[in-house]
Amino acid sequence: VVKDSWFPEFDRRREAARQVAREAEAAFLPL
């Protein structure tokens, strides 16, 4: 189901998760 049209919008959620982890001092797993 994942098409080229998913990007770059989906990647913005990935970056947001990374930032949330950083601010919460969480371990971040780059899946």
Full PDB file with SEQRES, HELIX, SHEET, SSBOND, CRYST1, ORIGX, SCALE, CONECT and MASTER records, all heavy atoms in Angstrom:
SEQRES   1 A   31  VAL VAL LYS ASP SER TRP PHE PRO GLU PHE ASP ARG ARG          
SEQRES   2 A   31  ARG GLU ALA ALA ARG GLN VAL ALA ARG GLU ALA GLU ALA          
SEQRES   3 A   31  ALA PHE LEU PRO LEU                                          
HELIX    1 AA1 ASP A    4  TRP A    6  5                                   3    
HELIX    2 AA2 GLU A    9  ALA A   24  1                                  16    
CRYST1    1.000    1.000    1.000  90.00  90.00  90.00 P 1           1          
ORIGX1      1.000000  0.000000  0.000000        0.00000                         
ORIGX2      0.000000  1.000000  0.000000        0.00000                         
ORIGX3      0.000000  0.000000  1.000000        0.00000                         
SCALE1      1.000000  0.000000  0.000000        0.00000                         
SCALE2      0.000000  1.000000  0.000000        0.00000                         
SCALE3      0.000000  0.000000  1.000000        0.00000                         
ATOM      1  N   VAL A   1       0.809  -1.221   0.000  1.00  0.00           N  
ATOM      2  CA  VAL A   1       0.000   0.000   0.000  1.00  0.00           C  
ATOM      3  C   VAL A   1       0.841   1.269   0.000  1.00  0.00           C  
ATOM      4  O   VAL A   1       0.301   2.363  -0.208  1.00  0.00           O  
ATOM      5  CB  VAL A   1      -0.952   0.035   1.212  1.00  0.00           C  
ATOM      6  CG1 VAL A   1      -1.875  -1.164   1.203  1.00  0.00           C  
ATOM      7  CG2 VAL A   1      -0.164   0.111   2.531  1.00  0.00           C  
ATOM      8  N   VAL A   2       2.122   1.153   0.252  1.00  0.00           N  
ATOM      9  CA  VAL A   2       2.981   2.343   0.374  1.00  0.00           C  
ATOM     10  C   VAL A   2       3.430   2.783  -1.019  1.00  0.00           C  
ATOM     11  O   VAL A   2       4.168   2.060  -1.708  1.00  0.00           O  
ATOM     12  CB  VAL A   2       4.198   2.051   1.269  1.00  0.00           C  
ATOM     13  CG1 VAL A   2       5.101   3.282   1.351  1.00  0.00           C  
ATOM     14  CG2 VAL A   2       3.745   1.624   2.663  1.00  0.00           C  
ATOM     15  N   LYS A   3       2.993   3.967  -1.419  1.00  0.00           N  
ATOM     16  CA  LYS A   3       3.292   4.506  -2.734  1.00  0.00           C  
ATOM     17  C   LYS A   3       4.232   5.712  -2.615  1.00  0.00           C  
ATOM     18  O   LYS A   3       4.440   6.249  -1.524  1.00  0.00           O  
ATOM     19  CB  LYS A   3       1.990   4.947  -3.427  1.00  0.00           C  
ATOM     20  CG  LYS A   3       0.898   3.889  -3.423  1.00  0.00           C  
ATOM     21  CD  LYS A   3       1.319   2.609  -4.130  1.00  0.00           C  
ATOM     22  CE  LYS A   3       0.187   1.594  -4.154  1.00  0.00           C  
ATOM     23  NZ  LYS A   3       0.600   0.292  -4.760  1.00  0.00           N  
ATOM     24  N   ASP A   4       4.752   6.138  -3.747  1.00  0.00           N  
ATOM     25  CA  ASP A   4       5.632   7.310  -3.750  1.00  0.00           C  
ATOM     26  C   ASP A   4       4.933   8.543  -3.197  1.00  0.00           C  
ATOM     27  O   ASP A   4       5.580   9.436  -2.620  1.00  0.00           O  
ATOM     28  CB  ASP A   4       6.131   7.596  -5.170  1.00  0.00           C  
ATOM     29  CG  ASP A   4       7.138   6.567  -5.656  1.00  0.00           C  
ATOM     30  OD1 ASP A   4       7.695   5.834  -4.812  1.00  0.00           O  
ATOM     31  OD2 ASP A   4       7.365   6.495  -6.882  1.00  0.00           O  
ATOM     32  N   SER A   5       3.604   8.587  -3.328  1.00  0.00           N  
ATOM     33  CA  SER A   5       2.848   9.739  -2.859  1.00  0.00           C  
ATOM     34  C   SER A   5       2.873   9.885  -1.333  1.00  0.00           C  
ATOM     35  O   SER A   5       2.501  10.927  -0.798  1.00  0.00           O  
ATOM     36  CB  SER A   5       1.397   9.647  -3.341  1.00  0.00           C  
ATOM     37  OG  SER A   5       0.786   8.451  -2.870  1.00  0.00           O  
ATOM     38  N   TRP A   6       3.301   8.851  -0.626  1.00  0.00           N  
ATOM     39  CA  TRP A   6       3.411   8.936   0.830  1.00  0.00           C  
ATOM     40  C   TRP A   6       4.528   9.894   1.251  1.00  0.00           C  
ATOM     41  O   TRP A   6       4.544  10.352   2.399  1.00  0.00           O  
ATOM     42  CB  TRP A   6       3.706   7.556   1.418  1.00  0.00           C  
ATOM     43  CG  TRP A   6       2.515   6.658   1.530  1.00  0.00           C  
ATOM     44  CD1 TRP A   6       1.585   6.388   0.575  1.00  0.00           C  
ATOM     45  CD2 TRP A   6       2.142   5.896   2.680  1.00  0.00           C  
ATOM     46  NE1 TRP A   6       0.656   5.494   1.048  1.00  0.00           N  
ATOM     47  CE2 TRP A   6       0.970   5.159   2.332  1.00  0.00           C  
ATOM     48  CE3 TRP A   6       2.685   5.731   3.952  1.00  0.00           C  
ATOM     49  CZ2 TRP A   6       0.344   4.307   3.229  1.00  0.00           C  
ATOM     50  CZ3 TRP A   6       2.059   4.871   4.844  1.00  0.00           C  
ATOM     51  CH2 TRP A   6       0.898   4.171   4.499  1.00  0.00           C  
ATOM     52  N   PHE A   7       5.432  10.158   0.343  1.00  0.00           N  
ATOM     53  CA  PHE A   7       6.631  10.923   0.704  1.00  0.00           C  
ATOM     54  C   PHE A   7       6.616  12.283   0.009  1.00  0.00           C  
ATOM     55  O   PHE A   7       6.119  12.410  -1.100  1.00  0.00           O  
ATOM     56  CB  PHE A   7       7.875  10.124   0.303  1.00  0.00           C  
ATOM     57  CG  PHE A   7       7.862   8.717   0.833  1.00  0.00           C  
ATOM     58  CD1 PHE A   7       7.432   7.666   0.031  1.00  0.00           C  
ATOM     59  CD2 PHE A   7       8.242   8.445   2.134  1.00  0.00           C  
ATOM     60  CE1 PHE A   7       7.385   6.368   0.514  1.00  0.00           C  
ATOM     61  CE2 PHE A   7       8.203   7.147   2.620  1.00  0.00           C  
ATOM     62  CZ  PHE A   7       7.767   6.107   1.825  1.00  0.00           C  
ATOM     63  N   PRO A   8       7.149  13.310   0.680  1.00  0.00           N  
ATOM     64  CA  PRO A   8       7.884  13.287   1.961  1.00  0.00           C  
ATOM     65  C   PRO A   8       6.999  13.454   3.189  1.00  0.00           C  
ATOM     66  O   PRO A   8       7.516  13.554   4.306  1.00  0.00           O  
ATOM     67  CB  PRO A   8       8.810  14.477   1.822  1.00  0.00           C  
ATOM     68  CG  PRO A   8       8.011  15.466   1.033  1.00  0.00           C  
ATOM     69  CD  PRO A   8       7.223  14.646   0.036  1.00  0.00           C  
ATOM     70  N   GLU A   9       5.664  13.464   3.016  1.00  0.00           N  
ATOM     71  CA  GLU A   9       4.802  13.752   4.170  1.00  0.00           C  
ATOM     72  C   GLU A   9       4.976  12.733   5.293  1.00  0.00           C  
ATOM     73  O   GLU A   9       5.032  13.101   6.473  1.00  0.00           O  
ATOM     74  CB  GLU A   9       3.338  13.817   3.739  1.00  0.00           C  
ATOM     75  CG  GLU A   9       2.391  14.282   4.814  1.00  0.00           C  
ATOM     76  CD  GLU A   9       2.665  15.691   5.332  1.00  0.00           C  
ATOM     77  OE1 GLU A   9       3.250  16.513   4.585  1.00  0.00           O  
ATOM     78  OE2 GLU A   9       2.314  15.965   6.496  1.00  0.00           O  
ATOM     79  N   PHE A  10       5.066  11.452   4.942  1.00  0.00           N  
ATOM     80  CA  PHE A  10       5.252  10.456   6.002  1.00  0.00           C  
ATOM     81  C   PHE A  10       6.563  10.683   6.736  1.00  0.00           C  
ATOM     82  O   PHE A  10       6.637  10.506   7.966  1.00  0.00           O  
ATOM     83  CB  PHE A  10       5.223   9.033   5.435  1.00  0.00           C  
ATOM     84  CG  PHE A  10       5.526   7.995   6.477  1.00  0.00           C  
ATOM     85  CD1 PHE A  10       4.567   7.640   7.417  1.00  0.00           C  
ATOM     86  CD2 PHE A  10       6.781   7.396   6.551  1.00  0.00           C  
ATOM     87  CE1 PHE A  10       4.854   6.707   8.410  1.00  0.00           C  
ATOM     88  CE2 PHE A  10       7.071   6.465   7.530  1.00  0.00           C  
ATOM     89  CZ  PHE A  10       6.110   6.116   8.463  1.00  0.00           C  
ATOM     90  N   ASP A  11       7.596  11.069   6.023  1.00  0.00           N  
ATOM     91  CA  ASP A  11       8.903  11.291   6.652  1.00  0.00           C  
ATOM     92  C   ASP A  11       8.848  12.388   7.713  1.00  0.00           C  
ATOM     93  O   ASP A  11       9.650  12.396   8.649  1.00  0.00           O  
ATOM     94  CB  ASP A  11       9.950  11.654   5.603  1.00  0.00           C  
ATOM     95  CG  ASP A  11      10.277  10.486   4.693  1.00  0.00           C  
ATOM     96  OD1 ASP A  11      10.129   9.329   5.142  1.00  0.00           O  
ATOM     97  OD2 ASP A  11      10.676  10.723   3.540  1.00  0.00           O  
ATOM     98  N   ARG A  12       7.893  13.288   7.591  1.00  0.00           N  
ATOM     99  CA  ARG A  12       7.748  14.340   8.605  1.00  0.00           C  
ATOM    100  C   ARG A  12       7.304  13.739   9.931  1.00  0.00           C  
ATOM    101  O   ARG A  12       7.680  14.234  11.000  1.00  0.00           O  
ATOM    102  CB  ARG A  12       6.768  15.399   8.125  1.00  0.00           C  
ATOM    103  CG  ARG A  12       7.192  16.130   6.854  1.00  0.00           C  
ATOM    104  CD  ARG A  12       6.163  17.165   6.439  1.00  0.00           C  
ATOM    105  NE  ARG A  12       6.058  18.242   7.419  1.00  0.00           N  
ATOM    106  CZ  ARG A  12       5.011  19.052   7.539  1.00  0.00           C  
ATOM    107  NH1 ARG A  12       3.956  18.875   6.746  1.00  0.00           N  
ATOM    108  NH2 ARG A  12       5.001  20.003   8.445  1.00  0.00           N  
ATOM    109  N   ARG A  13       6.508  12.682   9.910  1.00  0.00           N  
ATOM    110  CA  ARG A  13       6.136  11.999  11.161  1.00  0.00           C  
ATOM    111  C   ARG A  13       7.360  11.317  11.773  1.00  0.00           C  
ATOM    112  O   ARG A  13       7.527  11.320  12.996  1.00  0.00           O  
ATOM    113  CB  ARG A  13       5.047  10.957  10.903  1.00  0.00           C  
ATOM    114  CG  ARG A  13       3.610  11.472  11.016  1.00  0.00           C  
ATOM    115  CD  ARG A  13       3.243  12.367   9.895  1.00  0.00           C  
ATOM    116  NE  ARG A  13       1.830  12.773   9.942  1.00  0.00           N  
ATOM    117  CZ  ARG A  13       1.291  13.585   9.058  1.00  0.00           C  
ATOM    118  NH1 ARG A  13       2.022  14.077   8.052  1.00  0.00           N  
ATOM    119  NH2 ARG A  13       0.022  13.947   9.158  1.00  0.00           N  
ATOM    120  N   ARG A  14       8.195  10.766  10.948  1.00  0.00           N  
ATOM    121  CA  ARG A  14       9.414  10.138  11.458  1.00  0.00           C  
ATOM    122  C   ARG A  14      10.284  11.161  12.178  1.00  0.00           C  
ATOM    123  O   ARG A  14      10.771  10.913  13.290  1.00  0.00           O  
ATOM    124  CB  ARG A  14      10.208   9.522  10.314  1.00  0.00           C  
ATOM    125  CG  ARG A  14       9.555   8.331   9.649  1.00  0.00           C  
ATOM    126  CD  ARG A  14      10.387   7.857   8.459  1.00  0.00           C  
ATOM    127  NE  ARG A  14      11.801   7.855   8.761  1.00  0.00           N  
ATOM    128  CZ  ARG A  14      12.740   8.442   8.009  1.00  0.00           C  
ATOM    129  NH1 ARG A  14      12.404   9.075   6.889  1.00  0.00           N  
ATOM    130  NH2 ARG A  14      13.999   8.396   8.368  1.00  0.00           N  
ATOM    131  N   GLU A  15      10.480  12.297  11.561  1.00  0.00           N  
ATOM    132  CA  GLU A  15      11.309  13.328  12.167  1.00  0.00           C  
ATOM    133  C   GLU A  15      10.663  13.868  13.436  1.00  0.00           C  
ATOM    134  O   GLU A  15      11.346  14.168  14.419  1.00  0.00           O  
ATOM    135  CB  GLU A  15      11.553  14.470  11.178  1.00  0.00           C  
ATOM    136  CG  GLU A  15      12.459  15.579  11.723  1.00  0.00           C  
ATOM    137  CD  GLU A  15      13.777  15.064  12.258  1.00  0.00           C  
ATOM    138  OE1 GLU A  15      14.360  14.135  11.670  1.00  0.00           O  
ATOM    139  OE2 GLU A  15      14.236  15.598  13.307  1.00  0.00           O  
ATOM    140  N   ALA A  16       9.336  13.977  13.434  1.00  0.00           N  
ATOM    141  CA  ALA A  16       8.628  14.440  14.631  1.00  0.00           C  
ATOM    142  C   ALA A  16       8.836  13.455  15.782  1.00  0.00           C  
ATOM    143  O   ALA A  16       9.038  13.866  16.931  1.00  0.00           O  
ATOM    144  CB  ALA A  16       7.144  14.611  14.334  1.00  0.00           C  
ATOM    145  N   ALA A  17       8.783  12.154  15.497  1.00  0.00           N  
ATOM    146  CA  ALA A  17       9.002  11.152  16.540  1.00  0.00           C  
ATOM    147  C   ALA A  17      10.407  11.268  17.111  1.00  0.00           C  
ATOM    148  O   ALA A  17      10.615  11.139  18.329  1.00  0.00           O  
ATOM    149  CB  ALA A  17       8.769   9.752  15.982  1.00  0.00           C  
ATOM    150  N   ARG A  18      11.376  11.512  16.254  1.00  0.00           N  
ATOM    151  CA  ARG A  18      12.754  11.688  16.709  1.00  0.00           C  
ATOM    152  C   ARG A  18      12.862  12.890  17.648  1.00  0.00           C  
ATOM    153  O   ARG A  18      13.518  12.831  18.695  1.00  0.00           O  
ATOM    154  CB  ARG A  18      13.700  11.850  15.523  1.00  0.00           C  
ATOM    155  CG  ARG A  18      15.168  11.985  15.914  1.00  0.00           C  
ATOM    156  CD  ARG A  18      16.036  12.241  14.683  1.00  0.00           C  
ATOM    157  NE  ARG A  18      16.037  11.102  13.785  1.00  0.00           N  
ATOM    158  CZ  ARG A  18      16.868  10.073  13.880  1.00  0.00           C  
ATOM    159  NH1 ARG A  18      17.767  10.039  14.856  1.00  0.00           N  
ATOM    160  NH2 ARG A  18      16.808   9.088  13.015  1.00  0.00           N  
ATOM    161  N   GLN A  19      12.191  13.983  17.295  1.00  0.00           N  
ATOM    162  CA  GLN A  19      12.235  15.183  18.116  1.00  0.00           C  
ATOM    163  C   GLN A  19      11.523  14.958  19.449  1.00  0.00           C  
ATOM    164  O   GLN A  19      12.003  15.395  20.502  1.00  0.00           O  
ATOM    165  CB  GLN A  19      11.591  16.359  17.378  1.00  0.00           C  
ATOM    166  CG  GLN A  19      11.625  17.673  18.140  1.00  0.00           C  
ATOM    167  CD  GLN A  19      13.027  18.159  18.422  1.00  0.00           C  
ATOM    168  OE1 GLN A  19      13.947  17.927  17.642  1.00  0.00           O  
ATOM    169  NE2 GLN A  19      13.211  18.830  19.556  1.00  0.00           N  
ATOM    170  N   VAL A  20      10.396  14.265  19.420  1.00  0.00           N  
ATOM    171  CA  VAL A  20       9.685  13.940  20.652  1.00  0.00           C  
ATOM    172  C   VAL A  20      10.580  13.109  21.575  1.00  0.00           C  
ATOM    173  O   VAL A  20      10.652  13.356  22.781  1.00  0.00           O  
ATOM    174  CB  VAL A  20       8.380  13.186  20.338  1.00  0.00           C  
ATOM    175  CG1 VAL A  20       7.791  12.555  21.602  1.00  0.00           C  
ATOM    176  CG2 VAL A  20       7.364  14.119  19.700  1.00  0.00           C  
ATOM    177  N   ALA A  21      11.265  12.137  21.005  1.00  0.00           N  
ATOM    178  CA  ALA A  21      12.167  11.303  21.797  1.00  0.00           C  
ATOM    179  C   ALA A  21      13.283  12.134  22.414  1.00  0.00           C  
ATOM    180  O   ALA A  21      13.628  11.963  23.594  1.00  0.00           O  
ATOM    181  CB  ALA A  21      12.751  10.196  20.929  1.00  0.00           C  
ATOM    182  N   ARG A  22      13.837  13.024  21.624  1.00  0.00           N  
ATOM    183  CA  ARG A  22      14.935  13.864  22.115  1.00  0.00           C  
ATOM    184  C   ARG A  22      14.470  14.712  23.293  1.00  0.00           C  
ATOM    185  O   ARG A  22      15.152  14.792  24.324  1.00  0.00           O  
ATOM    186  CB  ARG A  22      15.449  14.739  20.976  1.00  0.00           C  
ATOM    187  CG  ARG A  22      16.650  15.597  21.342  1.00  0.00           C  
ATOM    188  CD  ARG A  22      17.077  16.453  20.169  1.00  0.00           C  
ATOM    189  NE  ARG A  22      17.428  15.643  18.996  1.00  0.00           N  
ATOM    190  CZ  ARG A  22      16.775  15.682  17.849  1.00  0.00           C  
ATOM    191  NH1 ARG A  22      15.730  16.492  17.693  1.00  0.00           N  
ATOM    192  NH2 ARG A  22      17.150  14.920  16.848  1.00  0.00           N  
ATOM    193  N   GLU A  23      13.311  15.333  23.161  1.00  0.00           N  
ATOM    194  CA  GLU A  23      12.816  16.222  24.213  1.00  0.00           C  
ATOM    195  C   GLU A  23      12.421  15.452  25.474  1.00  0.00           C  
ATOM    196  O   GLU A  23      12.534  15.980  26.583  1.00  0.00           O  
ATOM    197  CB  GLU A  23      11.628  17.021  23.689  1.00  0.00           C  
ATOM    198  CG  GLU A  23      12.006  18.012  22.596  1.00  0.00           C  
ATOM    199  CD  GLU A  23      10.809  18.724  22.008  1.00  0.00           C  
ATOM    200  OE1 GLU A  23       9.665  18.379  22.389  1.00  0.00           O  
ATOM    201  OE2 GLU A  23      11.017  19.624  21.160  1.00  0.00           O  
ATOM    202  N   ALA A  24      11.985  14.205  25.309  1.00  0.00           N  
ATOM    203  CA  ALA A  24      11.581  13.391  26.451  1.00  0.00           C  
ATOM    204  C   ALA A  24      12.747  12.592  27.032  1.00  0.00           C  
ATOM    205  O   ALA A  24      12.557  11.837  27.989  1.00  0.00           O  
ATOM    206  CB  ALA A  24      10.461  12.439  26.051  1.00  0.00           C  
ATOM    207  N   GLU A  25      13.928  12.748  26.455  1.00  0.00           N  
ATOM    208  CA  GLU A  25      15.118  12.002  26.874  1.00  0.00           C  
ATOM    209  C   GLU A  25      14.859  10.498  26.788  1.00  0.00           C  
ATOM    210  O   GLU A  25      15.211   9.722  27.686  1.00  0.00           O  
ATOM    211  CB  GLU A  25      15.540  12.406  28.284  1.00  0.00           C  
ATOM    212  CG  GLU A  25      15.940  13.885  28.387  1.00  0.00           C  
ATOM    213  CD  GLU A  25      16.418  14.264  29.775  1.00  0.00           C  
ATOM    214  OE1 GLU A  25      16.092  13.541  30.743  1.00  0.00           O  
ATOM    215  OE2 GLU A  25      17.137  15.277  29.900  1.00  0.00           O  
ATOM    216  N   ALA A  26      14.238  10.115  25.698  1.00  0.00           N  
ATOM    217  CA  ALA A  26      13.913   8.714  25.452  1.00  0.00           C  
ATOM    218  C   ALA A  26      14.989   8.056  24.594  1.00  0.00           C  
ATOM    219  O   ALA A  26      15.647   8.715  23.786  1.00  0.00           O  
ATOM    220  CB  ALA A  26      12.567   8.611  24.737  1.00  0.00           C  
ATOM    221  N   ALA A  27      15.131   6.751  24.761  1.00  0.00           N  
ATOM    222  CA  ALA A  27      15.921   5.983  23.807  1.00  0.00           C  
ATOM    223  C   ALA A  27      15.156   5.975  22.488  1.00  0.00           C  
ATOM    224  O   ALA A  27      13.945   5.736  22.474  1.00  0.00           O  
ATOM    225  CB  ALA A  27      16.119   4.562  24.314  1.00  0.00           C  
ATOM    226  N   PHE A  28      15.853   6.235  21.387  1.00  0.00           N  
ATOM    227  CA  PHE A  28      15.207   6.296  20.080  1.00  0.00           C  
ATOM    228  C   PHE A  28      15.735   5.181  19.205  1.00  0.00           C  
ATOM    229  O   PHE A  28      16.952   5.032  19.023  1.00  0.00           O  
ATOM    230  CB  PHE A  28      15.481   7.644  19.416  1.00  0.00           C  
ATOM    231  CG  PHE A  28      14.811   7.815  18.079  1.00  0.00           C  
ATOM    232  CD1 PHE A  28      13.445   8.030  17.989  1.00  0.00           C  
ATOM    233  CD2 PHE A  28      15.553   7.744  16.905  1.00  0.00           C  
ATOM    234  CE1 PHE A  28      12.829   8.181  16.755  1.00  0.00           C  
ATOM    235  CE2 PHE A  28      14.955   7.895  15.666  1.00  0.00           C  
ATOM    236  CZ  PHE A  28      13.587   8.107  15.590  1.00  0.00           C  
ATOM    237  N   LEU A  29      14.834   4.375  18.660  1.00  0.00           N  
ATOM    238  CA  LEU A  29      15.224   3.262  17.805  1.00  0.00           C  
ATOM    239  C   LEU A  29      14.898   3.601  16.353  1.00  0.00           C  
ATOM    240  O   LEU A  29      13.724   3.677  15.975  1.00  0.00           O  
ATOM    241  CB  LEU A  29      14.501   1.984  18.217  1.00  0.00           C  
ATOM    242  CG  LEU A  29      15.161   1.156  19.330  1.00  0.00           C  
ATOM    243  CD1 LEU A  29      15.343   1.972  20.594  1.00  0.00           C  
ATOM    244  CD2 LEU A  29      14.370  -0.110  19.613  1.00  0.00           C  
ATOM    245  N   PRO A  30      15.920   3.801  15.509  1.00  0.00           N  
ATOM    246  CA  PRO A  30      15.717   4.234  14.116  1.00  0.00           C  
ATOM    247  C   PRO A  30      15.303   3.070  13.212  1.00  0.00           C  
ATOM    248  O   PRO A  30      16.098   2.544  12.433  1.00  0.00           O  
ATOM    249  CB  PRO A  30      17.087   4.784  13.739  1.00  0.00           C  
ATOM    250  CG  PRO A  30      18.052   3.966  14.545  1.00  0.00           C  
ATOM    251  CD  PRO A  30      17.349   3.695  15.859  1.00  0.00           C  
ATOM    252  N   LEU A  31      14.032   2.713  13.275  1.00  0.00           N  
ATOM    253  CA  LEU A  31      13.567   1.545  12.527  1.00  0.00           C  
ATOM    254  C   LEU A  31      13.603   1.761  11.019  1.00  0.00           C  
ATOM    255  O   LEU A  31      13.837   0.809  10.263  1.00  0.00           O  
ATOM    256  CB  LEU A  31      12.150   1.171  12.958  1.00  0.00           C  
ATOM    257  CG  LEU A  31      11.980   0.738  14.409  1.00  0.00           C  
ATOM    258  CD1 LEU A  31      10.551   0.266  14.648  1.00  0.00           C  
ATOM    259  CD2 LEU A  31      12.977  -0.352  14.776  1.00  0.00           C  
TER     260      LEU A  31                                                      
MASTER        0    0    0    2    0    0    0    6  259    1    0    3          
END                                                                             
